[in-house]
All heavy atoms as atom14 arrays in JSON, in Angstrom:
{
  "sequence": "TGLSAGAVSGLLLVAGATTGAGGLLGLLVPLWLTMFSIGLVMPNS",
  "atom14_mask": [
    [1, 1, 1, 1, 1, 1, 1, 0, 0, 0, 0, 0, 0, 0],
    [1, 1, 1, 1, 0, 0, 0, 0, 0, 0, 0, 0, 0, 0],
    [1, 1, 1, 1, 1, 1, 1, 1, 0, 0, 0, 0, 0, 0],
    [1, 1, 1, 1, 1, 1, 0, 0, 0, 0, 0, 0, 0, 0],
    [1, 1, 1, 1, 1, 0, 0, 0, 0, 0, 0, 0, 0, 0],
    [1, 1, 1, 1, 0, 0, 0, 0, 0, 0, 0, 0, 0, 0],
    [1, 1, 1, 1, 1, 0, 0, 0, 0, 0, 0, 0, 0, 0],
    [1, 1, 1, 1, 1, 1, 1, 0, 0, 0, 0, 0, 0, 0],
    [1, 1, 1, 1, 1, 1, 0, 0, 0, 0, 0, 0, 0, 0],
    [1, 1, 1, 1, 0, 0, 0, 0, 0, 0, 0, 0, 0, 0],
    [1, 1, 1, 1, 1, 1, 1, 1, 0, 0, 0, 0, 0, 0],
    [1, 1, 1, 1, 1, 1, 1, 1, 0, 0, 0, 0, 0, 0],
    [1, 1, 1, 1, 1, 1, 1, 1, 0, 0, 0, 0, 0, 0],
    [1, 1, 1, 1, 1, 1, 1, 0, 0, 0, 0, 0, 0, 0],
    [1, 1, 1, 1, 1, 0, 0, 0, 0, 0, 0, 0, 0, 0],
    [1, 1, 1, 1, 0, 0, 0, 0, 0, 0, 0, 0, 0, 0],
    [1, 1, 1, 1, 1, 0, 0, 0, 0, 0, 0, 0, 0, 0],
    [1, 1, 1, 1, 1, 1, 1, 0, 0, 0, 0, 0, 0, 0],
    [1, 1, 1, 1, 1, 1, 1, 0, 0, 0, 0, 0, 0, 0],
    [1, 1, 1, 1, 0, 0, 0, 0, 0, 0, 0, 0, 0, 0],
    [1, 1, 1, 1, 1, 0, 0, 0, 0, 0, 0, 0, 0, 0],
    [1, 1, 1, 1, 0, 0, 0, 0, 0, 0, 0, 0, 0, 0],
    [1, 1, 1, 1, 0, 0, 0, 0, 0, 0, 0, 0, 0, 0],
    [1, 1, 1, 1, 1, 1, 1, 1, 0, 0, 0, 0, 0, 0],
    [1, 1, 1, 1, 1, 1, 1, 1, 0, 0, 0, 0, 0, 0],
    [1, 1, 1, 1, 0, 0, 0, 0, 0, 0, 0, 0, 0, 0],
    [1, 1, 1, 1, 1, 1, 1, 1, 0, 0, 0, 0, 0, 0],
    [1, 1, 1, 1, 1, 1, 1, 1, 0, 0, 0, 0, 0, 0],
    [1, 1, 1, 1, 1, 1, 1, 0, 0, 0, 0, 0, 0, 0],
    [1, 1, 1, 1, 1, 1, 1, 0, 0, 0, 0, 0, 0, 0],
    [1, 1, 1, 1, 1, 1, 1, 1, 0, 0, 0, 0, 0, 0],
    [1, 1, 1, 1, 1, 1, 1, 1, 1, 1, 1, 1, 1, 1],
    [1, 1, 1, 1, 1, 1, 1, 1, 0, 0, 0, 0, 0, 0],
    [1, 1, 1, 1, 1, 1, 1, 0, 0, 0, 0, 0, 0, 0],
    [1, 1, 1, 1, 1, 1, 1, 1, 0, 0, 0, 0, 0, 0],
    [1, 1, 1, 1, 1, 1, 1, 1, 1, 1, 1, 0, 0, 0],
    [1, 1, 1, 1, 1, 1, 0, 0, 0, 0, 0, 0, 0, 0],
    [1, 1, 1, 1, 1, 1, 1, 1, 0, 0, 0, 0, 0, 0],
    [1, 1, 1, 1, 0, 0, 0, 0, 0, 0, 0, 0, 0, 0],
    [1, 1, 1, 1, 1, 1, 1, 1, 0, 0, 0, 0, 0, 0],
    [1, 1, 1, 1, 1, 1, 1, 0, 0, 0, 0, 0, 0, 0],
    [1, 1, 1, 1, 1, 1, 1, 1, 0, 0, 0, 0, 0, 0],
    [1, 1, 1, 1, 1, 1, 1, 0, 0, 0, 0, 0, 0, 0],
    [1, 1, 1, 1, 1, 1, 1, 1, 0, 0, 0, 0, 0, 0],
    [1, 1, 1, 1, 1, 1, 0, 0, 0, 0, 0, 0, 0, 0]
  ],
  "atom14_positions": [
    [[73.39, 137.26, 89.75], [74.19, 138.02, 90.71], [73.94, 137.53, 92.13], [74.88, 137.31, 92.91], [73.87, 139.52, 90.6], [74.18, 139.97, 89.29], [74.68, 140.32, 91.62], [0.0, 0.0, 0.0], [0.0, 0.0, 0.0], [0.0, 0.0, 0.0], [0.0, 0.0, 0.0], [0.0, 0.0, 0.0], [0.0, 0.0, 0.0], [0.0, 0.0, 0.0]],
    [[72.67, 137.35, 92.47], [72.35, 136.85, 93.8], [72.89, 135.45, 94.05], [73.41, 135.16, 95.13], [0.0, 0.0, 0.0], [0.0, 0.0, 0.0], [0.0, 0.0, 0.0], [0.0, 0.0, 0.0], [0.0, 0.0, 0.0], [0.0, 0.0, 0.0], [0.0, 0.0, 0.0], [0.0, 0.0, 0.0], [0.0, 0.0, 0.0], [0.0, 0.0, 0.0]],
    [[72.77, 134.58, 93.05], [73.28, 133.22, 93.21], [74.8, 133.2, 93.39], [75.34, 132.48, 94.23], [72.89, 132.36, 92.0], [71.41, 131.98, 91.9], [71.14, 131.28, 90.57], [71.0, 131.08, 93.05], [0.0, 0.0, 0.0], [0.0, 0.0, 0.0], [0.0, 0.0, 0.0], [0.0, 0.0, 0.0], [0.0, 0.0, 0.0], [0.0, 0.0, 0.0]],
    [[75.51, 134.01, 92.59], [76.97, 134.05, 92.68], [77.41, 134.61, 94.04], [78.29, 134.04, 94.71], [77.54, 134.9, 91.55], [77.15, 134.39, 90.29], [0.0, 0.0, 0.0], [0.0, 0.0, 0.0], [0.0, 0.0, 0.0], [0.0, 0.0, 0.0], [0.0, 0.0, 0.0], [0.0, 0.0, 0.0], [0.0, 0.0, 0.0], [0.0, 0.0, 0.0]],
    [[76.79, 135.73, 94.44], [77.16, 136.31, 95.73], [76.81, 135.37, 96.88], [77.56, 135.25, 97.86], [76.45, 137.66, 95.9], [0.0, 0.0, 0.0], [0.0, 0.0, 0.0], [0.0, 0.0, 0.0], [0.0, 0.0, 0.0], [0.0, 0.0, 0.0], [0.0, 0.0, 0.0], [0.0, 0.0, 0.0], [0.0, 0.0, 0.0], [0.0, 0.0, 0.0]],
    [[75.67, 134.69, 96.78], [75.27, 133.76, 97.82], [76.21, 132.57, 97.94], [76.5, 132.1, 99.05], [0.0, 0.0, 0.0], [0.0, 0.0, 0.0], [0.0, 0.0, 0.0], [0.0, 0.0, 0.0], [0.0, 0.0, 0.0], [0.0, 0.0, 0.0], [0.0, 0.0, 0.0], [0.0, 0.0, 0.0], [0.0, 0.0, 0.0], [0.0, 0.0, 0.0]],
    [[76.69, 132.07, 96.79], [77.62, 130.94, 96.84], [78.93, 131.34, 97.51], [79.49, 130.59, 98.32], [77.87, 130.43, 95.41], [0.0, 0.0, 0.0], [0.0, 0.0, 0.0], [0.0, 0.0, 0.0], [0.0, 0.0, 0.0], [0.0, 0.0, 0.0], [0.0, 0.0, 0.0], [0.0, 0.0, 0.0], [0.0, 0.0, 0.0], [0.0, 0.0, 0.0]],
    [[79.43, 132.55, 97.2], [80.69, 133.01, 97.8], [80.51, 133.25, 99.29], [81.31, 132.78, 100.12], [81.17, 134.3, 97.09], [82.37, 134.9, 97.83], [81.54, 134.01, 95.65], [0.0, 0.0, 0.0], [0.0, 0.0, 0.0], [0.0, 0.0, 0.0], [0.0, 0.0, 0.0], [0.0, 0.0, 0.0], [0.0, 0.0, 0.0], [0.0, 0.0, 0.0]],
    [[79.45, 133.98, 99.68], [79.24, 134.25, 101.1], [78.92, 132.97, 101.87], [79.26, 132.84, 103.05], [78.11, 135.27, 101.28], [76.9, 134.79, 100.73], [0.0, 0.0, 0.0], [0.0, 0.0, 0.0], [0.0, 0.0, 0.0], [0.0, 0.0, 0.0], [0.0, 0.0, 0.0], [0.0, 0.0, 0.0], [0.0, 0.0, 0.0], [0.0, 0.0, 0.0]],
    [[78.29, 131.99, 101.18], [78.03, 130.71, 101.81], [79.31, 129.98, 102.17], [79.43, 129.36, 103.24], [0.0, 0.0, 0.0], [0.0, 0.0, 0.0], [0.0, 0.0, 0.0], [0.0, 0.0, 0.0], [0.0, 0.0, 0.0], [0.0, 0.0, 0.0], [0.0, 0.0, 0.0], [0.0, 0.0, 0.0], [0.0, 0.0, 0.0], [0.0, 0.0, 0.0]],
    [[80.3, 130.05, 101.28], [81.59, 129.42, 101.57], [82.29, 130.13, 102.74], [82.93, 129.49, 103.58], [82.47, 129.46, 100.32], [81.99, 128.58, 99.15], [82.88, 128.78, 97.93], [81.97, 127.1, 99.55], [0.0, 0.0, 0.0], [0.0, 0.0, 0.0], [0.0, 0.0, 0.0], [0.0, 0.0, 0.0], [0.0, 0.0, 0.0], [0.0, 0.0, 0.0]],
    [[82.16, 131.46, 102.79], [82.71, 132.2, 103.94], [81.99, 131.8, 105.22], [82.61, 131.72, 106.3], [82.57, 133.7, 103.7], [83.39, 134.29, 102.54], [83.08, 135.77, 102.37], [84.88, 134.09, 102.79], [0.0, 0.0, 0.0], [0.0, 0.0, 0.0], [0.0, 0.0, 0.0], [0.0, 0.0, 0.0], [0.0, 0.0, 0.0], [0.0, 0.0, 0.0]],
    [[80.69, 131.54, 105.13], [79.92, 131.1, 106.29], [80.42, 129.74, 106.79], [80.56, 129.53, 108.0], [78.44, 131.02, 105.93], [77.48, 130.54, 107.01], [77.51, 131.47, 108.22], [76.06, 130.44, 106.45], [0.0, 0.0, 0.0], [0.0, 0.0, 0.0], [0.0, 0.0, 0.0], [0.0, 0.0, 0.0], [0.0, 0.0, 0.0], [0.0, 0.0, 0.0]],
    [[80.71, 128.84, 105.86], [81.25, 127.53, 106.25], [82.58, 127.7, 106.95], [82.86, 127.06, 107.99], [81.38, 126.62, 105.01], [82.14, 125.34, 105.36], [80.01, 126.28, 104.44], [0.0, 0.0, 0.0], [0.0, 0.0, 0.0], [0.0, 0.0, 0.0], [0.0, 0.0, 0.0], [0.0, 0.0, 0.0], [0.0, 0.0, 0.0], [0.0, 0.0, 0.0]],
    [[83.43, 128.59, 106.41], [84.74, 128.81, 107.02], [84.6, 129.39, 108.42], [85.27, 128.95, 109.37], [85.56, 129.75, 106.14], [0.0, 0.0, 0.0], [0.0, 0.0, 0.0], [0.0, 0.0, 0.0], [0.0, 0.0, 0.0], [0.0, 0.0, 0.0], [0.0, 0.0, 0.0], [0.0, 0.0, 0.0], [0.0, 0.0, 0.0], [0.0, 0.0, 0.0]],
    [[83.68, 130.36, 108.59], [83.5, 130.96, 109.91], [82.93, 129.97, 110.92], [83.34, 129.96, 112.08], [0.0, 0.0, 0.0], [0.0, 0.0, 0.0], [0.0, 0.0, 0.0], [0.0, 0.0, 0.0], [0.0, 0.0, 0.0], [0.0, 0.0, 0.0], [0.0, 0.0, 0.0], [0.0, 0.0, 0.0], [0.0, 0.0, 0.0], [0.0, 0.0, 0.0]],
    [[81.97, 129.15, 110.48], [81.37, 128.18, 111.4], [82.35, 127.08, 111.77], [82.36, 126.59, 112.91], [80.12, 127.58, 110.77], [0.0, 0.0, 0.0], [0.0, 0.0, 0.0], [0.0, 0.0, 0.0], [0.0, 0.0, 0.0], [0.0, 0.0, 0.0], [0.0, 0.0, 0.0], [0.0, 0.0, 0.0], [0.0, 0.0, 0.0], [0.0, 0.0, 0.0]],
    [[83.18, 126.67, 110.82], [84.11, 125.55, 111.07], [85.27, 125.97, 111.97], [85.64, 125.25, 112.9], [84.65, 125.02, 109.74], [83.56, 124.64, 108.9], [85.56, 123.82, 109.96], [0.0, 0.0, 0.0], [0.0, 0.0, 0.0], [0.0, 0.0, 0.0], [0.0, 0.0, 0.0], [0.0, 0.0, 0.0], [0.0, 0.0, 0.0], [0.0, 0.0, 0.0]],
    [[85.83, 127.16, 111.69], [87.01, 127.6, 112.45], [86.64, 128.3, 113.75], [87.46, 128.35, 114.68], [87.85, 128.54, 111.59], [87.09, 129.72, 111.28], [88.26, 127.86, 110.29], [0.0, 0.0, 0.0], [0.0, 0.0, 0.0], [0.0, 0.0, 0.0], [0.0, 0.0, 0.0], [0.0, 0.0, 0.0], [0.0, 0.0, 0.0], [0.0, 0.0, 0.0]],
    [[85.43, 128.86, 113.82], [85.05, 129.63, 115.0], [85.72, 130.98, 115.09], [85.63, 131.65, 116.13], [0.0, 0.0, 0.0], [0.0, 0.0, 0.0], [0.0, 0.0, 0.0], [0.0, 0.0, 0.0], [0.0, 0.0, 0.0], [0.0, 0.0, 0.0], [0.0, 0.0, 0.0], [0.0, 0.0, 0.0], [0.0, 0.0, 0.0], [0.0, 0.0, 0.0]],
    [[86.38, 131.42, 114.0], [87.07, 132.7, 114.01], [86.07, 133.84, 114.17], [85.06, 133.91, 113.48], [87.86, 132.88, 112.7], [0.0, 0.0, 0.0], [0.0, 0.0, 0.0], [0.0, 0.0, 0.0], [0.0, 0.0, 0.0], [0.0, 0.0, 0.0], [0.0, 0.0, 0.0], [0.0, 0.0, 0.0], [0.0, 0.0, 0.0], [0.0, 0.0, 0.0]],
    [[86.37, 134.74, 115.1], [85.5, 135.88, 115.32], [84.31, 135.61, 116.21], [83.49, 136.51, 116.43], [0.0, 0.0, 0.0], [0.0, 0.0, 0.0], [0.0, 0.0, 0.0], [0.0, 0.0, 0.0], [0.0, 0.0, 0.0], [0.0, 0.0, 0.0], [0.0, 0.0, 0.0], [0.0, 0.0, 0.0], [0.0, 0.0, 0.0], [0.0, 0.0, 0.0]],
    [[84.17, 134.39, 116.71], [83.07, 134.06, 117.6], [81.72, 134.2, 116.93], [81.55, 133.9, 115.74], [0.0, 0.0, 0.0], [0.0, 0.0, 0.0], [0.0, 0.0, 0.0], [0.0, 0.0, 0.0], [0.0, 0.0, 0.0], [0.0, 0.0, 0.0], [0.0, 0.0, 0.0], [0.0, 0.0, 0.0], [0.0, 0.0, 0.0], [0.0, 0.0, 0.0]],
    [[80.74, 134.69, 117.69], [79.38, 134.81, 117.16], [79.33, 135.8, 116.0], [78.64, 135.56, 114.99], [78.43, 135.26, 118.28], [76.97, 135.45, 117.88], [76.37, 134.15, 117.35], [76.15, 135.96, 119.08], [0.0, 0.0, 0.0], [0.0, 0.0, 0.0], [0.0, 0.0, 0.0], [0.0, 0.0, 0.0], [0.0, 0.0, 0.0], [0.0, 0.0, 0.0]],
    [[80.06, 136.91, 116.09], [80.05, 137.9, 115.02], [80.68, 137.34, 113.75], [80.23, 137.65, 112.64], [80.79, 139.16, 115.46], [80.68, 140.37, 114.53], [79.22, 140.81, 114.4], [81.54, 141.52, 115.04], [0.0, 0.0, 0.0], [0.0, 0.0, 0.0], [0.0, 0.0, 0.0], [0.0, 0.0, 0.0], [0.0, 0.0, 0.0], [0.0, 0.0, 0.0]],
    [[81.7, 136.5, 113.9], [82.32, 135.86, 112.74], [81.37, 134.93, 112.01], [81.55, 134.65, 110.82], [0.0, 0.0, 0.0], [0.0, 0.0, 0.0], [0.0, 0.0, 0.0], [0.0, 0.0, 0.0], [0.0, 0.0, 0.0], [0.0, 0.0, 0.0], [0.0, 0.0, 0.0], [0.0, 0.0, 0.0], [0.0, 0.0, 0.0], [0.0, 0.0, 0.0]],
    [[80.35, 134.44, 112.71], [79.32, 133.62, 112.08], [78.22, 134.5, 111.48], [77.7, 134.22, 110.39], [78.72, 132.66, 113.09], [77.61, 131.73, 112.6], [78.19, 130.65, 111.67], [76.88, 131.08, 113.77], [0.0, 0.0, 0.0], [0.0, 0.0, 0.0], [0.0, 0.0, 0.0], [0.0, 0.0, 0.0], [0.0, 0.0, 0.0], [0.0, 0.0, 0.0]],
    [[77.87, 135.57, 112.19], [76.72, 136.36, 111.77], [76.99, 137.18, 110.51], [76.11, 137.31, 109.66], [76.31, 137.31, 112.91], [75.6, 136.67, 114.1], [75.33, 137.7, 115.18], [74.3, 136.02, 113.66], [0.0, 0.0, 0.0], [0.0, 0.0, 0.0], [0.0, 0.0, 0.0], [0.0, 0.0, 0.0], [0.0, 0.0, 0.0], [0.0, 0.0, 0.0]],
    [[78.19, 137.72, 110.36], [78.45, 138.59, 109.2], [78.29, 137.84, 107.88], [77.54, 138.27, 107.0], [79.83, 139.25, 109.32], [80.19, 139.97, 108.02], [79.85, 140.24, 110.49], [0.0, 0.0, 0.0], [0.0, 0.0, 0.0], [0.0, 0.0, 0.0], [0.0, 0.0, 0.0], [0.0, 0.0, 0.0], [0.0, 0.0, 0.0], [0.0, 0.0, 0.0]],
    [[78.96, 136.68, 107.68], [78.71, 135.96, 106.42], [77.28, 135.42, 106.32], [76.75, 135.28, 105.22], [79.74, 134.82, 106.44], [80.13, 134.66, 107.86], [80.02, 136.03, 108.46], [0.0, 0.0, 0.0], [0.0, 0.0, 0.0], [0.0, 0.0, 0.0], [0.0, 0.0, 0.0], [0.0, 0.0, 0.0], [0.0, 0.0, 0.0], [0.0, 0.0, 0.0]],
    [[76.65, 135.13, 107.46], [75.24, 134.71, 107.44], [74.36, 135.83, 106.9], [73.48, 135.6, 106.06], [74.8, 134.3, 108.85], [73.31, 133.98, 109.01], [72.93, 132.74, 108.2], [72.96, 133.76, 110.48], [0.0, 0.0, 0.0], [0.0, 0.0, 0.0], [0.0, 0.0, 0.0], [0.0, 0.0, 0.0], [0.0, 0.0, 0.0], [0.0, 0.0, 0.0]],
    [[74.59, 137.05, 107.37], [73.81, 138.19, 106.89], [74.01, 138.4, 105.39], [73.06, 138.68, 104.67], [74.2, 139.45, 107.66], [73.78, 139.44, 109.1], [72.76, 138.71, 109.65], [74.39, 140.16, 110.18], [72.68, 138.94, 111.0], [73.66, 139.82, 111.36], [75.44, 141.05, 110.27], [73.98, 140.36, 112.6], [75.77, 141.6, 111.5], [75.04, 141.25, 112.66]],
    [[75.26, 138.27, 104.93], [75.53, 138.45, 103.49], [74.83, 137.36, 102.68], [74.31, 137.63, 101.59], [77.04, 138.4, 103.25], [77.85, 139.56, 103.84], [79.34, 139.32, 103.62], [77.44, 140.89, 103.21], [0.0, 0.0, 0.0], [0.0, 0.0, 0.0], [0.0, 0.0, 0.0], [0.0, 0.0, 0.0], [0.0, 0.0, 0.0], [0.0, 0.0, 0.0]],
    [[74.81, 136.15, 103.21], [74.15, 135.05, 102.49], [72.64, 135.28, 102.42], [72.03, 135.11, 101.36], [74.44, 133.71, 103.19], [75.86, 133.53, 103.29], [73.84, 132.56, 102.41], [0.0, 0.0, 0.0], [0.0, 0.0, 0.0], [0.0, 0.0, 0.0], [0.0, 0.0, 0.0], [0.0, 0.0, 0.0], [0.0, 0.0, 0.0], [0.0, 0.0, 0.0]],
    [[72.04, 135.7, 103.52], [70.6, 135.95, 103.51], [70.26, 137.12, 102.6], [69.23, 137.1, 101.9], [70.12, 136.22, 104.93], [70.26, 135.03, 105.88], [69.24, 133.62, 105.4], [67.62, 134.19, 105.91], [0.0, 0.0, 0.0], [0.0, 0.0, 0.0], [0.0, 0.0, 0.0], [0.0, 0.0, 0.0], [0.0, 0.0, 0.0], [0.0, 0.0, 0.0]],
    [[71.1, 138.15, 102.57], [70.87, 139.27, 101.66], [70.91, 138.8, 100.2], [70.08, 139.19, 99.38], [71.93, 140.35, 101.89], [71.81, 141.53, 100.96], [70.95, 142.58, 101.27], [72.55, 141.59, 99.8], [70.84, 143.67, 100.41], [72.44, 142.68, 98.94], [71.58, 143.71, 99.25], [0.0, 0.0, 0.0], [0.0, 0.0, 0.0], [0.0, 0.0, 0.0]],
    [[71.86, 137.92, 99.88], [71.97, 137.4, 98.51], [70.74, 136.58, 98.14], [70.25, 136.67, 97.01], [73.24, 136.55, 98.37], [74.4, 137.31, 98.67], [0.0, 0.0, 0.0], [0.0, 0.0, 0.0], [0.0, 0.0, 0.0], [0.0, 0.0, 0.0], [0.0, 0.0, 0.0], [0.0, 0.0, 0.0], [0.0, 0.0, 0.0], [0.0, 0.0, 0.0]],
    [[70.24, 135.79, 99.07], [69.02, 135.02, 98.8], [67.86, 135.96, 98.53], [66.98, 135.66, 97.7], [68.71, 134.07, 99.98], [69.83, 133.06, 100.15], [67.39, 133.35, 99.76], [69.7, 132.19, 101.4], [0.0, 0.0, 0.0], [0.0, 0.0, 0.0], [0.0, 0.0, 0.0], [0.0, 0.0, 0.0], [0.0, 0.0, 0.0], [0.0, 0.0, 0.0]],
    [[67.85, 137.12, 99.21], [66.82, 138.11, 98.94], [66.84, 138.63, 97.52], [65.81, 139.07, 96.99], [0.0, 0.0, 0.0], [0.0, 0.0, 0.0], [0.0, 0.0, 0.0], [0.0, 0.0, 0.0], [0.0, 0.0, 0.0], [0.0, 0.0, 0.0], [0.0, 0.0, 0.0], [0.0, 0.0, 0.0], [0.0, 0.0, 0.0], [0.0, 0.0, 0.0]],
    [[68.01, 138.6, 96.86], [68.1, 138.97, 95.45], [67.61, 137.85, 94.54], [67.16, 138.12, 93.42], [69.55, 139.33, 95.08], [70.17, 140.55, 95.74], [71.61, 140.71, 95.3], [69.37, 141.81, 95.41], [0.0, 0.0, 0.0], [0.0, 0.0, 0.0], [0.0, 0.0, 0.0], [0.0, 0.0, 0.0], [0.0, 0.0, 0.0], [0.0, 0.0, 0.0]],
    [[67.7, 136.63, 95.01], [67.33, 135.47, 94.19], [65.83, 135.21, 94.23], [65.18, 135.0, 93.2], [68.1, 134.21, 94.66], [67.62, 132.96, 93.9], [69.59, 134.4, 94.46], [0.0, 0.0, 0.0], [0.0, 0.0, 0.0], [0.0, 0.0, 0.0], [0.0, 0.0, 0.0], [0.0, 0.0, 0.0], [0.0, 0.0, 0.0], [0.0, 0.0, 0.0]],
    [[65.25, 135.24, 95.43], [63.89, 134.75, 95.62], [62.84, 135.43, 94.75], [61.96, 134.75, 94.2], [63.51, 134.86, 97.1], [64.27, 133.92, 98.02], [63.99, 132.18, 97.65], [62.28, 132.02, 98.13], [0.0, 0.0, 0.0], [0.0, 0.0, 0.0], [0.0, 0.0, 0.0], [0.0, 0.0, 0.0], [0.0, 0.0, 0.0], [0.0, 0.0, 0.0]],
    [[62.84, 136.76, 94.56], [61.77, 137.35, 93.75], [61.9, 137.09, 92.25], [60.91, 137.18, 91.53], [61.91, 138.86, 94.04], [62.8, 138.97, 95.23], [63.68, 137.78, 95.18], [0.0, 0.0, 0.0], [0.0, 0.0, 0.0], [0.0, 0.0, 0.0], [0.0, 0.0, 0.0], [0.0, 0.0, 0.0], [0.0, 0.0, 0.0], [0.0, 0.0, 0.0]],
    [[63.1, 136.77, 91.77], [63.33, 136.75, 90.33], [63.0, 135.41, 89.67], [62.63, 135.38, 88.5], [64.78, 137.15, 90.03], [65.04, 138.61, 90.32], [64.42, 139.49, 89.74], [65.92, 138.88, 91.26], [0.0, 0.0, 0.0], [0.0, 0.0, 0.0], [0.0, 0.0, 0.0], [0.0, 0.0, 0.0], [0.0, 0.0, 0.0], [0.0, 0.0, 0.0]],
    [[63.12, 134.33, 90.4], [62.73, 133.04, 89.82], [61.24, 133.03, 89.46], [60.88, 132.64, 88.34], [63.05, 131.9, 90.79], [64.44, 131.76, 90.96], [0.0, 0.0, 0.0], [0.0, 0.0, 0.0], [0.0, 0.0, 0.0], [0.0, 0.0, 0.0], [0.0, 0.0, 0.0], [0.0, 0.0, 0.0], [0.0, 0.0, 0.0], [0.0, 0.0, 0.0]]
  ]
}
């Protein structure tokens, strides 16, 4: 679940960073989701 959510939010992060849509907040929101997803992955391996 964490890996799947992280891959999706990571792609959104690439889109936000590349287009600049939403400015700093447009970068931070998918970044936060990606870091949260990694938090689901790290303890389970």
